[in-house]
Amino acid sequence: SAAAQGIKCVQCSTLTNPDCEDNEDRHVQVCPKLHSGKLEGAEAVGCRKILQKIGDEKSTIRECAYIEGDVDGQRKTGNSGIILYYYQCSNGPDASGLPCNSVSGFSLVASSLVALVARIFI
């Protein structure tokens, strides 16, 4: 069963895999248990997508989430022009069978926010 296998998320970064946005189905993997840190041994509870801008460089990071809670475009800013937008989802695969951190897995509202963020970054 899917529960026995663990949660599957798209796991990639456009920093190391430029095709992370276009070929996300090949990046779907079962989320591992955490092997270190405060949450050592924890199983994933959802999937996450992070839109990151550092200076003029934009990237997208898709990964497993280990802390509960859905997040829809939470903005975080840091020093040196770092801006992050977090999206986190805890539901299973969408109708296409892809994990919820795939492009099609986010709500229409999130898609609109992604488009807005992309405009800001351009």
C-alpha atoms as a PDB file:
ATOM      1  CA  SER A   1       0.000   0.000   0.000  1.00  0.00           C
ATOM      2  CA  ALA A   2       1.014   3.638  -0.446  1.00  0.00           C
ATOM      3  CA  ALA A   3       1.058   4.168   3.318  1.00  0.00           C
ATOM      4  CA  ALA A   4       3.468   1.261   3.775  1.00  0.00           C
ATOM      5  CA  GLN A   5       5.808   2.757   1.168  1.00  0.00           C
ATOM      6  CA  GLY A   6       5.738   6.214   2.715  1.00  0.00           C
ATOM      7  CA  ILE A   7       4.913   9.549   1.163  1.00  0.00           C
ATOM      8  CA  LYS A   8       6.197  10.249  -2.332  1.00  0.00           C
ATOM      9  CA  CYS A   9       7.233  13.759  -3.319  1.00  0.00           C
ATOM     10  CA  VAL A  10       8.941  15.406  -6.238  1.00  0.00           C
ATOM     11  CA  GLN A  11      12.538  15.774  -4.986  1.00  0.00           C
ATOM     12  CA  CYS A  12      14.831  18.001  -7.017  1.00  0.00           C
ATOM     13  CA  SER A  13      16.299  21.476  -7.332  1.00  0.00           C
ATOM     14  CA  THR A  14      16.704  23.564 -10.460  1.00  0.00           C
ATOM     15  CA  LEU A  15      20.151  24.482  -9.083  1.00  0.00           C
ATOM     16  CA  THR A  16      21.397  20.934  -9.726  1.00  0.00           C
ATOM     17  CA  ASN A  17      18.702  19.630 -12.134  1.00  0.00           C
ATOM     18  CA  PRO A  18      17.551  22.303 -14.595  1.00  0.00           C
ATOM     19  CA  ASP A  19      14.791  19.930 -15.781  1.00  0.00           C
ATOM     20  CA  CYS A  20      13.204  19.901 -12.302  1.00  0.00           C
ATOM     21  CA  GLU A  21      10.339  22.093 -13.567  1.00  0.00           C
ATOM     22  CA  ASP A  22       9.661  20.203 -16.799  1.00  0.00           C
ATOM     23  CA  ASN A  23      10.300  16.516 -16.072  1.00  0.00           C
ATOM     24  CA  GLU A  24       9.067  16.323 -12.509  1.00  0.00           C
ATOM     25  CA  ASP A  25       7.654  12.791 -12.808  1.00  0.00           C
ATOM     26  CA  ARG A  26      11.190  11.406 -13.096  1.00  0.00           C
ATOM     27  CA  HIS A  27      12.038  13.120  -9.799  1.00  0.00           C
ATOM     28  CA  VAL A  28       9.250  11.445  -7.789  1.00  0.00           C
ATOM     29  CA  GLN A  29      10.771   9.443  -4.940  1.00  0.00           C
ATOM     30  CA  VAL A  30       9.676   7.933  -1.647  1.00  0.00           C
ATOM     31  CA  CYS A  31      10.620  10.319   1.162  1.00  0.00           C
ATOM     32  CA  PRO A  32      13.320   8.933   3.458  1.00  0.00           C
ATOM     33  CA  LYS A  33      13.199   9.006   7.243  1.00  0.00           C
ATOM     34  CA  LEU A  34      15.395  11.743   8.649  1.00  0.00           C
ATOM     35  CA  HIS A  35      18.753  10.355   9.764  1.00  0.00           C
ATOM     36  CA  SER A  36      19.957  13.282  11.858  1.00  0.00           C
ATOM     37  CA  GLY A  37      18.918  16.479  13.569  1.00  0.00           C
ATOM     38  CA  LYS A  38      16.142  17.354  15.965  1.00  0.00           C
ATOM     39  CA  LEU A  39      13.586  15.291  14.010  1.00  0.00           C
ATOM     40  CA  GLU A  40      15.829  12.224  13.581  1.00  0.00           C
ATOM     41  CA  GLY A  41      13.752   9.158  12.691  1.00  0.00           C
ATOM     42  CA  ALA A  42      10.759  11.247  11.566  1.00  0.00           C
ATOM     43  CA  GLU A  43       8.753  10.191   8.520  1.00  0.00           C
ATOM     44  CA  ALA A  44       7.652  12.772   5.967  1.00  0.00           C
ATOM     45  CA  VAL A  45       4.182  14.229   6.503  1.00  0.00           C
ATOM     46  CA  GLY A  46       3.902  16.093   3.201  1.00  0.00           C
ATOM     47  CA  CYS A  47       5.696  17.723   0.315  1.00  0.00           C
ATOM     48  CA  ARG A  48       7.188  21.181  -0.094  1.00  0.00           C
ATOM     49  CA  LYS A  49       8.035  23.542  -2.936  1.00  0.00           C
ATOM     50  CA  ILE A  50      10.287  26.546  -2.368  1.00  0.00           C
ATOM     51  CA  LEU A  51      10.730  29.388  -4.843  1.00  0.00           C
ATOM     52  CA  GLN A  52      14.047  31.030  -4.034  1.00  0.00           C
ATOM     53  CA  LYS A  53      15.641  34.228  -5.303  1.00  0.00           C
ATOM     54  CA  ILE A  54      19.148  35.223  -4.289  1.00  0.00           C
ATOM     55  CA  GLY A  55      20.157  38.401  -6.072  1.00  0.00           C
ATOM     56  CA  ASP A  56      19.330  37.781  -9.732  1.00  0.00           C
ATOM     57  CA  GLU A  57      19.432  33.971  -9.448  1.00  0.00           C
ATOM     58  CA  LYS A  58      16.069  32.161  -9.285  1.00  0.00           C
ATOM     59  CA  SER A  59      15.586  28.520  -8.357  1.00  0.00           C
ATOM     60  CA  THR A  60      12.891  26.038  -7.411  1.00  0.00           C
ATOM     61  CA  ILE A  61      13.410  23.381  -4.752  1.00  0.00           C
ATOM     62  CA  ARG A  62      10.976  20.485  -4.335  1.00  0.00           C
ATOM     63  CA  GLU A  63      11.407  18.245  -1.298  1.00  0.00           C
ATOM     64  CA  CYS A  64       9.776  16.249   1.472  1.00  0.00           C
ATOM     65  CA  ALA A  65       8.284  18.024   4.498  1.00  0.00           C
ATOM     66  CA  TYR A  66       8.669  16.679   8.028  1.00  0.00           C
ATOM     67  CA  ILE A  67       6.649  19.230  10.019  1.00  0.00           C
ATOM     68  CA  GLU A  68       2.845  19.284   9.656  1.00  0.00           C
ATOM     69  CA  GLY A  69       0.945  22.164   8.143  1.00  0.00           C
ATOM     70  CA  ASP A  70      -0.155  23.374   4.758  1.00  0.00           C
ATOM     71  CA  VAL A  71       1.478  26.607   3.592  1.00  0.00           C
ATOM     72  CA  ASP A  72       0.420  28.539   0.499  1.00  0.00           C
ATOM     73  CA  GLY A  73       3.040  31.058  -0.568  1.00  0.00           C
ATOM     74  CA  GLN A  74       4.513  32.143   2.773  1.00  0.00           C
ATOM     75  CA  ARG A  75       7.186  34.750   2.068  1.00  0.00           C
ATOM     76  CA  LYS A  76      10.442  34.776   4.011  1.00  0.00           C
ATOM     77  CA  THR A  77      13.197  37.294   3.471  1.00  0.00           C
ATOM     78  CA  GLY A  78      16.781  37.272   4.602  1.00  0.00           C
ATOM     79  CA  ASN A  79      19.987  39.232   4.288  1.00  0.00           C
ATOM     80  CA  SER A  80      21.744  39.851   0.976  1.00  0.00           C
ATOM     81  CA  GLY A  81      18.563  39.978  -1.113  1.00  0.00           C
ATOM     82  CA  ILE A  82      17.358  36.455  -0.299  1.00  0.00           C
ATOM     83  CA  ILE A  83      13.612  35.935  -0.830  1.00  0.00           C
ATOM     84  CA  LEU A  84      11.865  32.577  -0.341  1.00  0.00           C
ATOM     85  CA  TYR A  85       8.252  31.575  -1.003  1.00  0.00           C
ATOM     86  CA  TYR A  86       7.158  28.346   0.731  1.00  0.00           C
ATOM     87  CA  TYR A  87       4.367  26.036  -0.397  1.00  0.00           C
ATOM     88  CA  GLN A  88       3.678  22.902   1.626  1.00  0.00           C
ATOM     89  CA  CYS A  89       0.956  20.310   1.154  1.00  0.00           C
ATOM     90  CA  SER A  90       0.020  17.207   3.099  1.00  0.00           C
ATOM     91  CA  ASN A  91      -2.475  15.578   0.765  1.00  0.00           C
ATOM     92  CA  GLY A  92      -1.727  12.555  -1.398  1.00  0.00           C
ATOM     93  CA  PRO A  93      -1.249  12.406  -5.150  1.00  0.00           C
ATOM     94  CA  ASP A  94      -3.497  14.567  -7.317  1.00  0.00           C
ATOM     95  CA  ALA A  95      -5.732  13.226 -10.106  1.00  0.00           C
ATOM     96  CA  SER A  96      -2.715  12.916 -12.430  1.00  0.00           C
ATOM     97  CA  GLY A  97      -1.013  10.613  -9.913  1.00  0.00           C
ATOM     98  CA  LEU A  98       1.757  13.126  -9.201  1.00  0.00           C
ATOM     99  CA  PRO A  99       2.623  14.171  -5.633  1.00  0.00           C
ATOM    100  CA  CYS A 100       1.096  17.363  -4.303  1.00  0.00           C
ATOM    101  CA  ASN A 101       4.325  19.368  -4.836  1.00  0.00           C
ATOM    102  CA  SER A 102       4.156  18.861  -8.588  1.00  0.00           C
ATOM    103  CA  VAL A 103       3.056  21.772 -10.774  1.00  0.00           C
ATOM    104  CA  SER A 104      -0.411  20.236 -11.223  1.00  0.00           C
ATOM    105  CA  GLY A 105      -0.711  19.400  -7.525  1.00  0.00           C
ATOM    106  CA  PHE A 106      -0.997  22.986  -6.332  1.00  0.00           C
ATOM    107  CA  SER A 107      -4.295  24.811  -6.177  1.00  0.00           C
ATOM    108  CA  LEU A 108      -5.350  27.406  -8.719  1.00  0.00           C
ATOM    109  CA  VAL A 109      -4.627  30.057  -6.088  1.00  0.00           C
ATOM    110  CA  ALA A 110      -1.107  28.736  -5.617  1.00  0.00           C
ATOM    111  CA  SER A 111      -0.620  28.634  -9.391  1.00  0.00           C
ATOM    112  CA  SER A 112      -1.660  32.270  -9.576  1.00  0.00           C
ATOM    113  CA  LEU A 113       0.785  33.133  -6.805  1.00  0.00           C
ATOM    114  CA  VAL A 114       3.558  31.245  -8.601  1.00  0.00           C
ATOM    115  CA  ALA A 115       2.834  33.274 -11.736  1.00  0.00           C
ATOM    116  CA  LEU A 116       2.906  36.485  -9.699  1.00  0.00           C
ATOM    117  CA  VAL A 117       6.180  35.491  -8.029  1.00  0.00           C
ATOM    118  CA  ALA A 118       7.667  34.621 -11.422  1.00  0.00           C
ATOM    119  CA  ARG A 119       6.683  38.084 -12.672  1.00  0.00           C
ATOM    120  CA  ILE A 120       8.339  39.700  -9.676  1.00  0.00           C
ATOM    121  CA  PHE A 121      11.516  37.680 -10.257  1.00  0.00           C
ATOM    122  CA  ILE A 122      11.782  38.530 -13.964  1.00  0.00           C
END
